[in-house]
PDB file of N, CA and C in Angstrom:
ATOM      1  N   MET A   1     131.858 173.963  -7.942  1.00  0.00           N
ATOM      2  CA  MET A   1     129.775 173.798  -7.244  1.00  0.00           C
ATOM      3  C   MET A   1     129.404 173.442  -8.397  1.00  0.00           C
ATOM      4  N   PHE A   2     128.307 172.906  -8.991  1.00  0.00           N
ATOM      5  CA  PHE A   2     127.325 173.193  -9.914  1.00  0.00           C
ATOM      6  C   PHE A   2     125.624 172.487  -9.555  1.00  0.00           C
ATOM      7  N   HIS A   3     124.848 172.844 -10.005  1.00  0.00           N
ATOM      8  CA  HIS A   3     123.847 172.083  -9.632  1.00  0.00           C
ATOM      9  C   HIS A   3     123.382 171.606 -11.415  1.00  0.00           C
ATOM     10  N   LEU A   4     122.519 170.462 -11.328  1.00  0.00           N
ATOM     11  CA  LEU A   4     122.124 169.650 -12.582  1.00  0.00           C
ATOM     12  C   LEU A   4     121.050 169.346 -12.419  1.00  0.00           C
ATOM     13  N   SER A   5     119.843 169.946 -13.249  1.00  0.00           N
ATOM     14  CA  SER A   5     118.375 169.293 -12.890  1.00  0.00           C
ATOM     15  C   SER A   5     118.416 167.935 -13.841  1.00  0.00           C
ATOM     16  N   LEU A   6     118.395 166.825 -12.987  1.00  0.00           N
ATOM     17  CA  LEU A   6     117.711 165.285 -13.639  1.00  0.00           C
ATOM     18  C   LEU A   6     116.347 165.001 -14.098  1.00  0.00           C
ATOM     19  N   SER A   7     115.757 164.058 -14.604  1.00  0.00           N
ATOM     20  CA  SER A   7     114.610 164.125 -14.244  1.00  0.00           C
ATOM     21  C   SER A   7     114.012 163.202 -13.071  1.00  0.00           C
ATOM     22  N   LYS A   8     115.296 162.943 -11.996  1.00  0.00           N
ATOM     23  CA  LYS A   8     114.403 162.152 -10.786  1.00  0.00           C
ATOM     24  C   LYS A   8     115.119 163.393  -9.809  1.00  0.00           C
ATOM     25  N   GLY A   9     115.051 164.534  -9.977  1.00  0.00           N
ATOM     26  CA  GLY A   9     115.775 165.687  -9.181  1.00  0.00           C
ATOM     27  C   GLY A   9     116.541 166.073  -9.147  1.00  0.00           C
ATOM     28  N   ILE A  10     117.113 166.703  -8.228  1.00  0.00           N
ATOM     29  CA  ILE A  10     118.045 168.273  -8.650  1.00  0.00           C
ATOM     30  C   ILE A  10     119.606 167.221  -8.275  1.00  0.00           C
ATOM     31  N   TYR A  11     120.154 167.200  -8.384  1.00  0.00           N
ATOM     32  CA  TYR A  11     121.907 166.831  -7.753  1.00  0.00           C
ATOM     33  C   TYR A  11     122.520 168.184  -8.145  1.00  0.00           C
ATOM     34  N   HIS A  12     123.457 167.549  -7.488  1.00  0.00           N
ATOM     35  CA  HIS A  12     124.424 168.721  -6.273  1.00  0.00           C
ATOM     36  C   HIS A  12     126.220 168.420  -6.624  1.00  0.00           C
ATOM     37  N   ARG A  13     127.281 168.524  -7.472  1.00  0.00           N
ATOM     38  CA  ARG A  13     128.502 168.333  -7.649  1.00  0.00           C
ATOM     39  C   ARG A  13     129.345 168.489  -6.314  1.00  0.00           C
ATOM     40  N   GLU A  14     129.899 168.072  -5.505  1.00  0.00           N
ATOM     41  CA  GLU A  14     130.599 168.845  -4.696  1.00  0.00           C
ATOM     42  C   GLU A  14     131.962 167.700  -4.517  1.00  0.00           C
ATOM     43  N   ASN A  15     132.941 167.877  -4.729  1.00  0.00           N
ATOM     44  CA  ASN A  15     133.966 167.378  -4.636  1.00  0.00           C
ATOM     45  C   ASN A  15     134.265 165.707  -5.805  1.00  0.00           C
ATOM     46  N   SER A  16     133.689 165.882  -6.677  1.00  0.00           N
ATOM     47  CA  SER A  16     133.650 165.055  -8.065  1.00  0.00           C
ATOM     48  C   SER A  16     132.639 163.890  -7.791  1.00  0.00           C
ATOM     49  N   LEU A  17     131.716 164.627  -6.890  1.00  0.00           N
ATOM     50  CA  LEU A  17     130.644 163.582  -6.968  1.00  0.00           C
ATOM     51  C   LEU A  17     129.330 164.300  -6.915  1.00  0.00           C
ATOM     52  N   LEU A  18     128.703 163.475  -7.920  1.00  0.00           N
ATOM     53  CA  LEU A  18     126.907 163.618  -8.119  1.00  0.00           C
ATOM     54  C   LEU A  18     126.473 163.535  -6.765  1.00  0.00           C
ATOM     55  N   VAL A  19     125.771 163.852  -6.072  1.00  0.00           N
ATOM     56  CA  VAL A  19     124.723 163.684  -4.961  1.00  0.00           C
ATOM     57  C   VAL A  19     123.468 164.145  -5.287  1.00  0.00           C
ATOM     58  N   GLN A  20     122.382 162.786  -5.128  1.00  0.00           N
ATOM     59  CA  GLN A  20     121.214 163.653  -5.476  1.00  0.00           C
ATOM     60  C   GLN A  20     120.997 164.671  -3.746  1.00  0.00           C
ATOM     61  N   LYS A  21     120.113 165.860  -4.293  1.00  0.00           N
ATOM     62  CA  LYS A  21     119.691 166.834  -3.471  1.00  0.00           C
ATOM     63  C   LYS A  21     118.980 166.482  -2.666  1.00  0.00           C
ATOM     64  N   ASP A  22     117.723 166.062  -3.065  1.00  0.00           N
ATOM     65  CA  ASP A  22     116.524 165.524  -2.318  1.00  0.00           C
ATOM     66  C   ASP A  22     116.849 164.104  -1.070  1.00  0.00           C
ATOM     67  N   LYS A  23     118.090 163.468  -1.278  1.00  0.00           N
ATOM     68  CA  LYS A  23     117.713 162.550   0.057  1.00  0.00           C
ATOM     69  C   LYS A  23     119.417 162.408   0.527  1.00  0.00           C
ATOM     70  N   ILE A  24     119.388 162.277   1.625  1.00  0.00           N
ATOM     71  CA  ILE A  24     120.420 162.314   2.871  1.00  0.00           C
ATOM     72  C   ILE A  24     120.755 160.454   2.345  1.00  0.00           C
ATOM     73  N   ASP A  25     122.174 160.476   2.701  1.00  0.00           N
ATOM     74  CA  ASP A  25     122.774 159.002   2.440  1.00  0.00           C
ATOM     75  C   ASP A  25     123.668 159.038   3.991  1.00  0.00           C
ATOM     76  N   MET A  26     123.431 158.518   4.504  1.00  0.00           N
ATOM     77  CA  MET A  26     123.788 158.480   6.047  1.00  0.00           C
ATOM     78  C   MET A  26     125.464 158.250   6.330  1.00  0.00           C
ATOM     79  N   ASP A  27     125.711 157.263   4.959  1.00  0.00           N
ATOM     80  CA  ASP A  27     127.482 157.064   4.744  1.00  0.00           C
ATOM     81  C   ASP A  27     128.310 158.768   4.333  1.00  0.00           C
ATOM     82  N   MET A  28     127.251 159.365   3.973  1.00  0.00           N
ATOM     83  CA  MET A  28     128.268 160.710   3.812  1.00  0.00           C
ATOM     84  C   MET A  28     128.659 161.094   5.337  1.00  0.00           C
ATOM     85  N   SER A  29     129.520 162.146   4.693  1.00  0.00           N
ATOM     86  CA  SER A  29     130.176 162.565   5.920  1.00  0.00           C
ATOM     87  C   SER A  29     129.114 164.185   6.760  1.00  0.00           C
ATOM     88  N   ILE A  30     128.872 164.416   8.039  1.00  0.00           N
ATOM     89  CA  ILE A  30     128.258 164.930   8.356  1.00  0.00           C
ATOM     90  C   ILE A  30     128.987 166.409   7.920  1.00  0.00           C
ATOM     91  N   ASP A  31     129.706 166.666   7.718  1.00  0.00           N
ATOM     92  CA  ASP A  31     130.409 167.836   7.172  1.00  0.00           C
ATOM     93  C   ASP A  31     129.574 168.287   5.960  1.00  0.00           C
ATOM     94  N   ARG A  32     129.230 167.126   4.799  1.00  0.00           N
ATOM     95  CA  ARG A  32     129.117 167.024   3.544  1.00  0.00           C
ATOM     96  C   ARG A  32     127.491 167.346   3.499  1.00  0.00           C
ATOM     97  N   ILE A  33     126.534 166.770   4.438  1.00  0.00           N
ATOM     98  CA  ILE A  33     125.520 166.952   4.729  1.00  0.00           C
ATOM     99  C   ILE A  33     125.368 168.461   4.799  1.00  0.00           C
ATOM    100  N   MET A  34     125.789 168.851   5.858  1.00  0.00           N
ATOM    101  CA  MET A  34     125.462 170.407   6.263  1.00  0.00           C
ATOM    102  C   MET A  34     126.175 171.404   5.106  1.00  0.00           C
ATOM    103  N   ARG A  35     126.694 171.160   4.132  1.00  0.00           N
ATOM    104  CA  ARG A  35     127.283 171.784   3.563  1.00  0.00           C
ATOM    105  C   ARG A  35     125.855 171.862   2.104  1.00  0.00           C
ATOM    106  N   ILE A  36     125.607 170.796   1.431  1.00  0.00           N
ATOM    107  CA  ILE A  36     124.661 170.336   0.886  1.00  0.00           C
ATOM    108  C   ILE A  36     123.477 171.326   1.299  1.00  0.00           C
ATOM    109  N   TRP A  37     123.467 170.804   2.641  1.00  0.00           N
ATOM    110  CA  TRP A  37     121.500 170.812   3.213  1.00  0.00           C
ATOM    111  C   TRP A  37     122.242 172.191   4.105  1.00  0.00           C
ATOM    112  N   PRO A  38     121.849 173.408   4.418  1.00  0.00           N
ATOM    113  CA  PRO A  38     122.162 173.671   5.440  1.00  0.00           C
ATOM    114  C   PRO A  38     122.031 173.778   6.924  1.00  0.00           C
ATOM    115  N   GLN A  39     120.232 173.821   6.258  1.00  0.00           N
ATOM    116  CA  GLN A  39     119.262 173.746   7.204  1.00  0.00           C
ATOM    117  C   GLN A  39     119.506 172.492   8.003  1.00  0.00           C
ATOM    118  N   THR A  40     120.079 171.709   7.929  1.00  0.00           N
ATOM    119  CA  THR A  40     120.204 170.619   8.848  1.00  0.00           C
ATOM    120  C   THR A  40     121.420 170.923  10.167  1.00  0.00           C
ATOM    121  N   ILE A  41     121.737 171.952   9.992  1.00  0.00           N
ATOM    122  CA  ILE A  41     122.643 172.771  11.311  1.00  0.00           C
ATOM    123  C   ILE A  41     121.890 172.287  12.093  1.00  0.00           C
ATOM    124  N   SER A  42     120.858 173.033  11.932  1.00  0.00           N
ATOM    125  CA  SER A  42     119.988 172.915  12.966  1.00  0.00           C
ATOM    126  C   SER A  42     119.507 171.644  13.846  1.00  0.00           C
ATOM    127  N   VAL A  43     119.135 170.882  12.987  1.00  0.00           N
ATOM    128  CA  VAL A  43     119.119 169.380  13.626  1.00  0.00           C
ATOM    129  C   VAL A  43     120.026 169.146  14.518  1.00  0.00           C
ATOM    130  N   ILE A  44     121.432 168.955  13.695  1.00  0.00           N
ATOM    131  CA  ILE A  44     122.512 168.804  14.134  1.00  0.00           C
ATOM    132  C   ILE A  44     122.992 169.582  15.901  1.00  0.00           C
ATOM    133  N   LEU A  45     122.080 170.577  16.317  1.00  0.00           N
ATOM    134  CA  LEU A  45     122.488 171.517  16.846  1.00  0.00           C
ATOM    135  C   LEU A  45     120.799 171.134  18.448  1.00  0.00           C
ATOM    136  N   LYS A  46     120.043 170.970  17.660  1.00  0.00           N
ATOM    137  CA  LYS A  46     119.057 169.941  18.216  1.00  0.00           C
ATOM    138  C   LYS A  46     119.062 169.147  19.020  1.00  0.00           C
ATOM    139  N   HIS A  47     120.587 168.283  18.332  1.00  0.00           N
ATOM    140  CA  HIS A  47     120.735 167.189  19.015  1.00  0.00           C
ATOM    141  C   HIS A  47     121.979 167.147  19.844  1.00  0.00           C
ATOM    142  N   ARG A  48     121.895 168.132  20.302  1.00  0.00           N
ATOM    143  CA  ARG A  48     123.248 168.702  21.043  1.00  0.00           C
ATOM    144  C   ARG A  48     125.041 167.957  20.348  1.00  0.00           C
ATOM    145  N   MET A  49     124.722 168.142  19.295  1.00  0.00           N
ATOM    146  CA  MET A  49     125.772 167.260  18.758  1.00  0.00           C
ATOM    147  C   MET A  49     126.819 168.275  18.021  1.00  0.00           C
ATOM    148  N   LYS A  50     128.448 168.027  18.614  1.00  0.00           N
ATOM    149  CA  LYS A  50     129.170 169.745  18.525  1.00  0.00           C
ATOM    150  C   LYS A  50     129.952 169.644  17.113  1.00  0.00           C
ATOM    151  N   CYS A  51     129.229 169.118  15.712  1.00  0.00           N
ATOM    152  CA  CYS A  51     129.707 168.244  14.727  1.00  0.00           C
ATOM    153  C   CYS A  51     130.235 170.384  13.886  1.00  0.00           C
ATOM    154  N   VAL A  52     129.272 170.935  14.110  1.00  0.00           N
ATOM    155  CA  VAL A  52     129.489 171.946  13.211  1.00  0.00           C
ATOM    156  C   VAL A  52     130.632 172.515  13.376  1.00  0.00           C
ATOM    157  N   GLY A  53     131.624 172.563  12.912  1.00  0.00           N
ATOM    158  CA  GLY A  53     133.013 173.592  12.928  1.00  0.00           C
ATOM    159  C   GLY A  53     133.878 172.229  13.238  1.00  0.00           C
ATOM    160  N   CYS A  54     133.372 171.355  13.259  1.00  0.00           N
ATOM    161  CA  CYS A  54     134.434 170.312  14.396  1.00  0.00           C
ATOM    162  C   CYS A  54     135.630 169.122  13.002  1.00  0.00           C
ATOM    163  N   PRO A  55     136.771 169.526  13.253  1.00  0.00           N
ATOM    164  CA  PRO A  55     137.701 169.000  11.931  1.00  0.00           C
ATOM    165  C   PRO A  55     137.043 167.407  11.769  1.00  0.00           C
ATOM    166  N   LEU A  56     136.486 166.753  12.993  1.00  0.00           N
ATOM    167  CA  LEU A  56     135.980 165.272  12.511  1.00  0.00           C
ATOM    168  C   LEU A  56     135.394 165.089  11.724  1.00  0.00           C
ATOM    169  N   ALA A  57     134.184 166.343  11.084  1.00  0.00           N
ATOM    170  CA  ALA A  57     133.227 166.533  11.110  1.00  0.00           C
ATOM    171  C   ALA A  57     133.103 166.007   9.155  1.00  0.00           C
ATOM    172  N   THR A  58     134.510 166.179   8.716  1.00  0.00           N
ATOM    173  CA  THR A  58     134.396 166.006   7.146  1.00  0.00           C
ATOM    174  C   THR A  58     135.467 164.493   7.364  1.00  0.00           C
ATOM    175  N   PHE A  59     135.012 163.366   8.374  1.00  0.00           N
ATOM    176  CA  PHE A  59     135.616 162.326   8.435  1.00  0.00           C
ATOM    177  C   PHE A  59     134.081 161.231   8.608  1.00  0.00           C
ATOM    178  N   HIS A  60     133.893 161.879   9.743  1.00  0.00           N
ATOM    179  CA  HIS A  60     132.478 161.035  10.588  1.00  0.00           C
ATOM    180  C   HIS A  60     131.337 160.984   8.990  1.00  0.00           C
ATOM    181  N   SER A  61     130.711 159.802   9.495  1.00  0.00           N
ATOM    182  CA  SER A  61     129.508 159.584   8.016  1.00  0.00           C
ATOM    183  C   SER A  61     128.241 160.292   9.357  1.00  0.00           C
ATOM    184  N   ALA A  62     127.536 160.064   8.800  1.00  0.00           N
ATOM    185  CA  ALA A  62     126.493 161.266   9.915  1.00  0.00           C
ATOM    186  C   ALA A  62     125.924 159.382  10.646  1.00  0.00           C
ATOM    187  N   ILE A  63     126.084 158.480  10.670  1.00  0.00           N
ATOM    188  CA  ILE A  63     125.736 157.057  11.145  1.00  0.00           C
ATOM    189  C   ILE A  63     127.449 157.562  12.519  1.00  0.00           C
ATOM    190  N   ASP A  64     127.948 157.551  12.030  1.00  0.00           N
ATOM    191  CA  ASP A  64     130.094 157.875  13.380  1.00  0.00           C
ATOM    192  C   ASP A  64     129.567 158.762  14.109  1.00  0.00           C
ATOM    193  N   ALA A  65     128.709 159.547  13.448  1.00  0.00           N
ATOM    194  CA  ALA A  65     128.490 161.255  14.191  1.00  0.00           C
ATOM    195  C   ALA A  65     127.560 160.742  15.395  1.00  0.00           C
ATOM    196  N   ALA A  66     126.414 160.295  14.862  1.00  0.00           N
ATOM    197  CA  ALA A  66     124.985 159.671  15.705  1.00  0.00           C
ATOM    198  C   ALA A  66     125.791 158.309  17.342  1.00  0.00           C
ATOM    199  N   ARG A  67     126.953 158.207  16.639  1.00  0.00           N
ATOM    200  CA  ARG A  67     126.908 156.653  17.358  1.00  0.00           C
ATOM    201  C   ARG A  67     127.865 157.160  18.289  1.00  0.00           C
ATOM    202  N   GLU A  68     129.076 158.350  17.935  1.00  0.00           N
ATOM    203  CA  GLU A  68     129.673 159.155  18.887  1.00  0.00           C
ATOM    204  C   GLU A  68     128.632 160.238  20.134  1.00  0.00           C
ATOM    205  N   HIS A  69     127.973 160.155  19.491  1.00  0.00           N
ATOM    206  CA  HIS A  69     127.195 161.248  20.380  1.00  0.00           C
ATOM    207  C   HIS A  69     125.886 160.383  21.125  1.00  0.00           C
ATOM    208  N   GLY A  70     126.166 159.329  20.846  1.00  0.00           N
ATOM    209  CA  GLY A  70     124.629 158.755  21.735  1.00  0.00           C
ATOM    210  C   GLY A  70     123.928 158.916  21.197  1.00  0.00           C
ATOM    211  N   ILE A  71     123.342 159.187  20.242  1.00  0.00           N
ATOM    212  CA  ILE A  71     122.350 159.470  19.107  1.00  0.00           C
ATOM    213  C   ILE A  71     121.625 158.319  18.651  1.00  0.00           C
ATOM    214  N   ASP A  72     120.190 157.885  18.102  1.00  0.00           N
ATOM    215  CA  ASP A  72     119.788 156.464  17.489  1.00  0.00           C
ATOM    216  C   ASP A  72     119.793 157.671  16.038  1.00  0.00           C
ATOM    217  N   ALA A  73     120.557 156.505  15.531  1.00  0.00           N
ATOM    218  CA  ALA A  73     121.508 156.838  14.055  1.00  0.00           C
ATOM    219  C   ALA A  73     119.471 156.776  13.292  1.00  0.00           C
ATOM    220  N   ASP A  74     118.474 156.120  13.343  1.00  0.00           N
ATOM    221  CA  ASP A  74     117.193 156.243  12.424  1.00  0.00           C
ATOM    222  C   ASP A  74     116.301 157.845  12.934  1.00  0.00           C
ATOM    223  N   ILE A  75     116.415 158.053  14.253  1.00  0.00           N
ATOM    224  CA  ILE A  75     115.937 159.576  14.515  1.00  0.00           C
ATOM    225  C   ILE A  75     116.422 160.096  13.840  1.00  0.00           C
ATOM    226  N   LEU A  76     118.034 160.474  14.172  1.00  0.00           N
ATOM    227  CA  LEU A  76     118.649 161.753  13.517  1.00  0.00           C
ATOM    228  C   LEU A  76     118.381 161.648  11.972  1.00  0.00           C
ATOM    229  N   PHE A  77     118.412 160.710  11.241  1.00  0.00           N
ATOM    230  CA  PHE A  77     117.660 160.855  10.047  1.00  0.00           C
ATOM    231  C   PHE A  77     116.876 160.696   9.908  1.00  0.00           C
ATOM    232  N   ASN A  78     115.607 160.520  10.490  1.00  0.00           N
ATOM    233  CA  ASN A  78     114.196 161.016  10.448  1.00  0.00           C
ATOM    234  C   ASN A  78     114.544 162.842  10.454  1.00  0.00           C
ATOM    235  N   ASP A  79     114.773 163.310  11.461  1.00  0.00           N
ATOM    236  CA  ASP A  79     114.924 164.458  12.033  1.00  0.00           C
ATOM    237  C   ASP A  79     115.445 165.231  10.686  1.00  0.00           C
ATOM    238  N   LEU A  80     116.970 164.601   9.953  1.00  0.00           N
ATOM    239  CA  LEU A  80     117.678 165.553   8.926  1.00  0.00           C
ATOM    240  C   LEU A  80     116.678 165.320   7.787  1.00  0.00           C
ATOM    241  N   GLU A  81     115.988 163.988   7.064  1.00  0.00           N
ATOM    242  CA  GLU A  81     114.974 164.163   6.373  1.00  0.00           C
ATOM    243  C   GLU A  81     114.081 165.036   6.353  1.00  0.00           C
ATOM    244  N   ARG A  82     113.464 165.505   7.116  1.00  0.00           N
ATOM    245  CA  ARG A  82     112.241 166.305   7.307  1.00  0.00           C
ATOM    246  C   ARG A  82     112.998 167.755   7.158  1.00  0.00           C
ATOM    247  N   VAL A  83     114.029 168.124   7.284  1.00  0.00           N
ATOM    248  CA  VAL A  83     114.220 169.269   6.902  1.00  0.00           C
ATOM    249  C   VAL A  83     114.654 169.555   5.849  1.00  0.00           C
ATOM    250  N   ILE A  84     114.989 168.229   4.850  1.00  0.00           N
ATOM    251  CA  ILE A  84     115.408 169.007   3.489  1.00  0.00           C
ATOM    252  C   ILE A  84     114.517 169.125   2.582  1.00  0.00           C
TER     253      ILE A  84
END
């Protein structure tokens, strides 16, 4: 894992992919979101999502997780964005 500073922001390498560190993509797995931005865990717990430690978190996108937990994906996205 390494961090790379480019003119458009901070990038984070994880699993051979560069991810812009200041932007959440709701197609990312919920596990990846929690690993890149640990502060998002509090948002996930606030929404009573049981993604922390769940083996499916590596496979579910944030949109999938929101749907599975009956949460509006736009609200989840806004709450996640607010903490990063």
